[in-house]
Amino acid sequence: MSIISRYILKEYLKFFSVTLAVLSLVYLTIEFLEKIRKFSERDADFLLVVQYFLYKLPRILFDISPLAVLIATFLTLGMLSRNNEIIAFKSSGSAFSN
């Protein structure tokens, strides 16, 4: 893996992880606000509620991942473009040759 590929991957993974975390937090918050009445009606224990959302987390990550990939791609390309790094990659002549 070339240095340029590692750099782009590092920048992409930063945006992807932050985007995935934020979108998951928003999803969990909305889900919690929708379910809070049902939890309070059944007098559910706090640990049981936490366990419910922990078991639901893989499904949430599965649902959110495509959107996080799209947003992270746009953010990475935008950041590279804003800093004129794409032009620098093109002018070096060896960008993505490996």
N, C-alpha and C. Protein backbone atom coordinates (compact mmCIF):
# COMPACT_ATOMS: atom_id res chain seq x y z
N MET A 1 0.85 -1.17 0.00
CA MET A 1 0.00 0.00 0.00
C MET A 1 0.90 1.24 0.00
N SER A 2 0.61 2.14 -0.91
CA SER A 2 1.45 3.33 -1.04
C SER A 2 1.16 4.32 0.09
N ILE A 3 2.03 5.28 0.21
CA ILE A 3 1.89 6.30 1.25
C ILE A 3 0.63 7.13 1.02
N ILE A 4 0.34 7.43 -0.23
CA ILE A 4 -0.84 8.22 -0.55
C ILE A 4 -2.12 7.46 -0.19
N SER A 5 -2.14 6.18 -0.51
CA SER A 5 -3.31 5.36 -0.18
C SER A 5 -3.52 5.27 1.32
N ARG A 6 -2.44 5.11 2.05
CA ARG A 6 -2.56 5.06 3.52
C ARG A 6 -3.05 6.39 4.08
N TYR A 7 -2.57 7.48 3.52
CA TYR A 7 -3.00 8.80 3.98
C TYR A 7 -4.49 9.01 3.73
N ILE A 8 -4.95 8.67 2.53
CA ILE A 8 -6.37 8.85 2.21
C ILE A 8 -7.22 7.92 3.07
N LEU A 9 -6.77 6.69 3.27
CA LEU A 9 -7.51 5.75 4.11
C LEU A 9 -7.60 6.25 5.55
N LYS A 10 -6.51 6.81 6.07
CA LYS A 10 -6.51 7.35 7.43
C LYS A 10 -7.50 8.50 7.56
N GLU A 11 -7.49 9.40 6.59
CA GLU A 11 -8.42 10.53 6.62
C GLU A 11 -9.87 10.05 6.48
N TYR A 12 -10.08 9.07 5.62
CA TYR A 12 -11.42 8.54 5.42
C TYR A 12 -11.93 7.87 6.68
N LEU A 13 -11.11 7.05 7.32
CA LEU A 13 -11.53 6.34 8.53
C LEU A 13 -11.85 7.30 9.68
N LYS A 14 -11.14 8.42 9.74
CA LYS A 14 -11.47 9.42 10.76
C LYS A 14 -12.89 9.95 10.55
N PHE A 15 -13.19 10.35 9.33
CA PHE A 15 -14.53 10.86 9.04
C PHE A 15 -15.59 9.78 9.20
N PHE A 16 -15.28 8.57 8.78
CA PHE A 16 -16.25 7.48 8.88
C PHE A 16 -16.59 7.15 10.33
N SER A 17 -15.58 7.08 11.18
CA SER A 17 -15.85 6.74 12.58
C SER A 17 -16.64 7.83 13.29
N VAL A 18 -16.31 9.07 13.02
CA VAL A 18 -17.06 10.17 13.64
C VAL A 18 -18.50 10.21 13.12
N THR A 19 -18.66 10.04 11.83
CA THR A 19 -19.99 10.05 11.23
C THR A 19 -20.83 8.89 11.75
N LEU A 20 -20.24 7.71 11.82
CA LEU A 20 -20.97 6.54 12.32
C LEU A 20 -21.37 6.73 13.78
N ALA A 21 -20.49 7.30 14.58
CA ALA A 21 -20.81 7.53 15.98
C ALA A 21 -21.93 8.55 16.15
N VAL A 22 -21.86 9.63 15.41
CA VAL A 22 -22.88 10.69 15.53
C VAL A 22 -24.24 10.19 15.04
N LEU A 23 -24.26 9.53 13.90
CA LEU A 23 -25.53 9.02 13.38
C LEU A 23 -26.13 7.96 14.29
N SER A 24 -25.29 7.12 14.88
CA SER A 24 -25.77 6.11 15.82
C SER A 24 -26.34 6.75 17.07
N LEU A 25 -25.68 7.79 17.54
CA LEU A 25 -26.16 8.50 18.72
C LEU A 25 -27.51 9.17 18.45
N VAL A 26 -27.66 9.76 17.29
CA VAL A 26 -28.94 10.37 16.92
C VAL A 26 -30.02 9.30 16.82
N TYR A 27 -29.70 8.18 16.19
CA TYR A 27 -30.66 7.08 16.05
C TYR A 27 -31.06 6.55 17.42
N LEU A 28 -30.09 6.34 18.30
CA LEU A 28 -30.39 5.84 19.64
C LEU A 28 -31.24 6.83 20.44
N THR A 29 -30.96 8.09 20.30
CA THR A 29 -31.73 9.11 21.01
C THR A 29 -33.18 9.12 20.56
N ILE A 30 -33.38 9.09 19.26
CA ILE A 30 -34.75 9.07 18.74
C ILE A 30 -35.46 7.80 19.16
N GLU A 31 -34.78 6.67 19.09
CA GLU A 31 -35.37 5.39 19.48
C GLU A 31 -35.74 5.40 20.97
N PHE A 32 -34.85 5.97 21.78
CA PHE A 32 -35.12 6.04 23.22
C PHE A 32 -36.34 6.92 23.50
N LEU A 33 -36.42 8.05 22.83
CA LEU A 33 -37.55 8.94 23.05
C LEU A 33 -38.88 8.33 22.59
N GLU A 34 -38.81 7.48 21.57
CA GLU A 34 -40.03 6.80 21.13
C GLU A 34 -40.44 5.69 22.09
N LYS A 35 -39.49 5.03 22.73
CA LYS A 35 -39.77 3.87 23.58
C LYS A 35 -39.89 4.21 25.06
N ILE A 36 -39.61 5.43 25.46
CA ILE A 36 -39.57 5.76 26.88
C ILE A 36 -40.93 5.55 27.55
N ARG A 37 -42.00 5.81 26.85
CA ARG A 37 -43.33 5.62 27.43
C ARG A 37 -43.59 4.13 27.71
N LYS A 38 -43.22 3.28 26.76
CA LYS A 38 -43.42 1.84 26.97
C LYS A 38 -42.56 1.32 28.12
N PHE A 39 -41.34 1.84 28.23
CA PHE A 39 -40.47 1.41 29.33
C PHE A 39 -41.03 1.86 30.67
N SER A 40 -41.55 3.08 30.73
CA SER A 40 -42.09 3.58 31.99
C SER A 40 -43.41 2.92 32.36
N GLU A 41 -44.23 2.57 31.37
CA GLU A 41 -45.50 1.88 31.66
C GLU A 41 -45.25 0.51 32.27
N ARG A 42 -44.22 -0.17 31.82
CA ARG A 42 -43.93 -1.50 32.32
C ARG A 42 -42.95 -1.48 33.49
N ASP A 43 -42.58 -0.28 33.91
CA ASP A 43 -41.67 -0.09 35.04
C ASP A 43 -40.38 -0.89 34.86
N ALA A 44 -39.76 -0.70 33.69
CA ALA A 44 -38.55 -1.44 33.35
C ALA A 44 -37.35 -0.92 34.13
N ASP A 45 -36.49 -1.84 34.49
CA ASP A 45 -35.26 -1.50 35.20
C ASP A 45 -34.29 -0.81 34.22
N PHE A 46 -33.46 0.07 34.76
CA PHE A 46 -32.51 0.83 33.94
C PHE A 46 -31.56 -0.11 33.21
N LEU A 47 -31.06 -1.14 33.89
CA LEU A 47 -30.14 -2.07 33.25
C LEU A 47 -30.80 -2.85 32.13
N LEU A 48 -32.07 -3.11 32.27
CA LEU A 48 -32.81 -3.80 31.21
C LEU A 48 -32.96 -2.91 29.98
N VAL A 49 -33.17 -1.64 30.18
CA VAL A 49 -33.27 -0.68 29.07
C VAL A 49 -31.92 -0.57 28.36
N VAL A 50 -30.84 -0.48 29.13
CA VAL A 50 -29.50 -0.41 28.54
C VAL A 50 -29.22 -1.69 27.75
N GLN A 51 -29.58 -2.83 28.31
CA GLN A 51 -29.38 -4.10 27.63
C GLN A 51 -30.18 -4.16 26.33
N TYR A 52 -31.38 -3.64 26.33
CA TYR A 52 -32.20 -3.59 25.13
C TYR A 52 -31.49 -2.83 24.01
N PHE A 53 -30.94 -1.67 24.35
CA PHE A 53 -30.28 -0.87 23.33
C PHE A 53 -28.93 -1.46 22.92
N LEU A 54 -28.26 -2.13 23.81
CA LEU A 54 -27.01 -2.81 23.43
C LEU A 54 -27.28 -3.94 22.45
N TYR A 55 -28.38 -4.67 22.66
CA TYR A 55 -28.73 -5.72 21.72
C TYR A 55 -29.21 -5.16 20.39
N LYS A 56 -29.73 -3.98 20.41
CA LYS A 56 -30.22 -3.34 19.19
C LYS A 56 -29.10 -2.64 18.41
N LEU A 57 -27.97 -2.41 19.04
CA LEU A 57 -26.87 -1.66 18.43
C LEU A 57 -26.35 -2.28 17.12
N PRO A 58 -26.15 -3.61 17.00
CA PRO A 58 -25.69 -4.13 15.71
C PRO A 58 -26.64 -3.82 14.55
N ARG A 59 -27.93 -3.89 14.80
CA ARG A 59 -28.90 -3.56 13.76
C ARG A 59 -28.82 -2.07 13.39
N ILE A 60 -28.63 -1.24 14.39
CA ILE A 60 -28.51 0.20 14.14
C ILE A 60 -27.28 0.48 13.29
N LEU A 61 -26.15 -0.13 13.64
CA LEU A 61 -24.92 0.07 12.88
C LEU A 61 -25.07 -0.44 11.44
N PHE A 62 -25.79 -1.55 11.29
CA PHE A 62 -26.04 -2.09 9.95
C PHE A 62 -26.88 -1.13 9.12
N ASP A 63 -27.87 -0.51 9.74
CA ASP A 63 -28.75 0.42 9.03
C ASP A 63 -28.05 1.74 8.72
N ILE A 64 -27.19 2.19 9.60
CA ILE A 64 -26.56 3.51 9.47
C ILE A 64 -25.31 3.48 8.58
N SER A 65 -24.67 2.33 8.46
CA SER A 65 -23.38 2.25 7.75
C SER A 65 -23.40 2.79 6.32
N PRO A 66 -24.38 2.46 5.49
CA PRO A 66 -24.35 3.03 4.13
C PRO A 66 -24.37 4.56 4.11
N LEU A 67 -25.16 5.15 4.96
CA LEU A 67 -25.21 6.61 5.02
C LEU A 67 -23.89 7.18 5.54
N ALA A 68 -23.29 6.50 6.52
CA ALA A 68 -22.00 6.94 7.05
C ALA A 68 -20.90 6.84 5.99
N VAL A 69 -20.94 5.81 5.17
CA VAL A 69 -19.96 5.66 4.09
C VAL A 69 -20.11 6.81 3.09
N LEU A 70 -21.33 7.12 2.73
CA LEU A 70 -21.58 8.19 1.76
C LEU A 70 -21.11 9.54 2.32
N ILE A 71 -21.49 9.84 3.54
CA ILE A 71 -21.11 11.12 4.14
C ILE A 71 -19.61 11.21 4.33
N ALA A 72 -18.98 10.13 4.77
CA ALA A 72 -17.52 10.13 4.97
C ALA A 72 -16.79 10.31 3.64
N THR A 73 -17.32 9.73 2.58
CA THR A 73 -16.70 9.91 1.26
C THR A 73 -16.77 11.37 0.82
N PHE A 74 -17.94 11.95 0.97
CA PHE A 74 -18.09 13.37 0.60
C PHE A 74 -17.20 14.27 1.44
N LEU A 75 -17.14 14.02 2.73
CA LEU A 75 -16.31 14.84 3.61
C LEU A 75 -14.83 14.68 3.30
N THR A 76 -14.39 13.46 3.02
CA THR A 76 -12.99 13.23 2.70
C THR A 76 -12.60 13.91 1.40
N LEU A 77 -13.42 13.72 0.37
CA LEU A 77 -13.12 14.37 -0.91
C LEU A 77 -13.19 15.89 -0.80
N GLY A 78 -14.14 16.39 -0.02
CA GLY A 78 -14.24 17.83 0.19
C GLY A 78 -13.03 18.39 0.91
N MET A 79 -12.56 17.66 1.93
CA MET A 79 -11.38 18.12 2.67
C MET A 79 -10.13 18.08 1.78
N LEU A 80 -10.00 17.02 1.00
CA LEU A 80 -8.85 16.93 0.09
C LEU A 80 -8.91 18.03 -0.97
N SER A 81 -10.09 18.32 -1.46
CA SER A 81 -10.24 19.37 -2.46
C SER A 81 -9.99 20.75 -1.86
N ARG A 82 -10.50 20.98 -0.66
CA ARG A 82 -10.34 22.29 -0.02
C ARG A 82 -8.87 22.61 0.23
N ASN A 83 -8.09 21.58 0.56
CA ASN A 83 -6.66 21.79 0.83
C ASN A 83 -5.80 21.61 -0.42
N ASN A 84 -6.43 21.50 -1.59
CA ASN A 84 -5.74 21.34 -2.87
C ASN A 84 -4.85 20.10 -2.90
N GLU A 85 -5.20 19.09 -2.12
CA GLU A 85 -4.40 17.88 -2.12
C GLU A 85 -4.66 17.02 -3.34
N ILE A 86 -5.85 17.08 -3.89
CA ILE A 86 -6.14 16.31 -5.10
C ILE A 86 -5.28 16.82 -6.26
N ILE A 87 -5.11 18.11 -6.34
CA ILE A 87 -4.25 18.69 -7.38
C ILE A 87 -2.81 18.27 -7.16
N ALA A 88 -2.38 18.23 -5.92
CA ALA A 88 -1.02 17.79 -5.61
C ALA A 88 -0.83 16.32 -5.98
N PHE A 89 -1.82 15.49 -5.74
CA PHE A 89 -1.74 14.08 -6.11
C PHE A 89 -1.61 13.93 -7.63
N LYS A 90 -2.43 14.71 -8.35
CA LYS A 90 -2.39 14.63 -9.81
C LYS A 90 -1.06 15.14 -10.36
N SER A 91 -0.53 16.19 -9.77
CA SER A 91 0.71 16.77 -10.29
C SER A 91 1.93 15.91 -9.97
N SER A 92 1.82 15.06 -8.96
CA SER A 92 2.97 14.22 -8.63
C SER A 92 3.17 13.13 -9.67
N GLY A 93 2.10 12.77 -10.36
CA GLY A 93 2.23 11.79 -11.45
C GLY A 93 2.21 10.36 -10.98
N SER A 94 2.39 10.12 -9.70
CA SER A 94 2.44 8.74 -9.23
C SER A 94 1.26 8.40 -8.32
N ALA A 95 0.24 9.22 -8.35
CA ALA A 95 -0.91 8.99 -7.47
C ALA A 95 -1.64 7.72 -7.87
N PHE A 96 -1.81 6.85 -6.93
CA PHE A 96 -2.58 5.62 -7.09
C PHE A 96 -2.04 4.72 -8.19
N SER A 97 -0.74 4.75 -8.42
CA SER A 97 -0.19 3.89 -9.47
C SER A 97 0.01 2.45 -8.98
N ASN A 98 0.07 2.26 -7.67
CA ASN A 98 0.25 0.89 -7.14
C ASN A 98 -1.03 0.23 -6.91
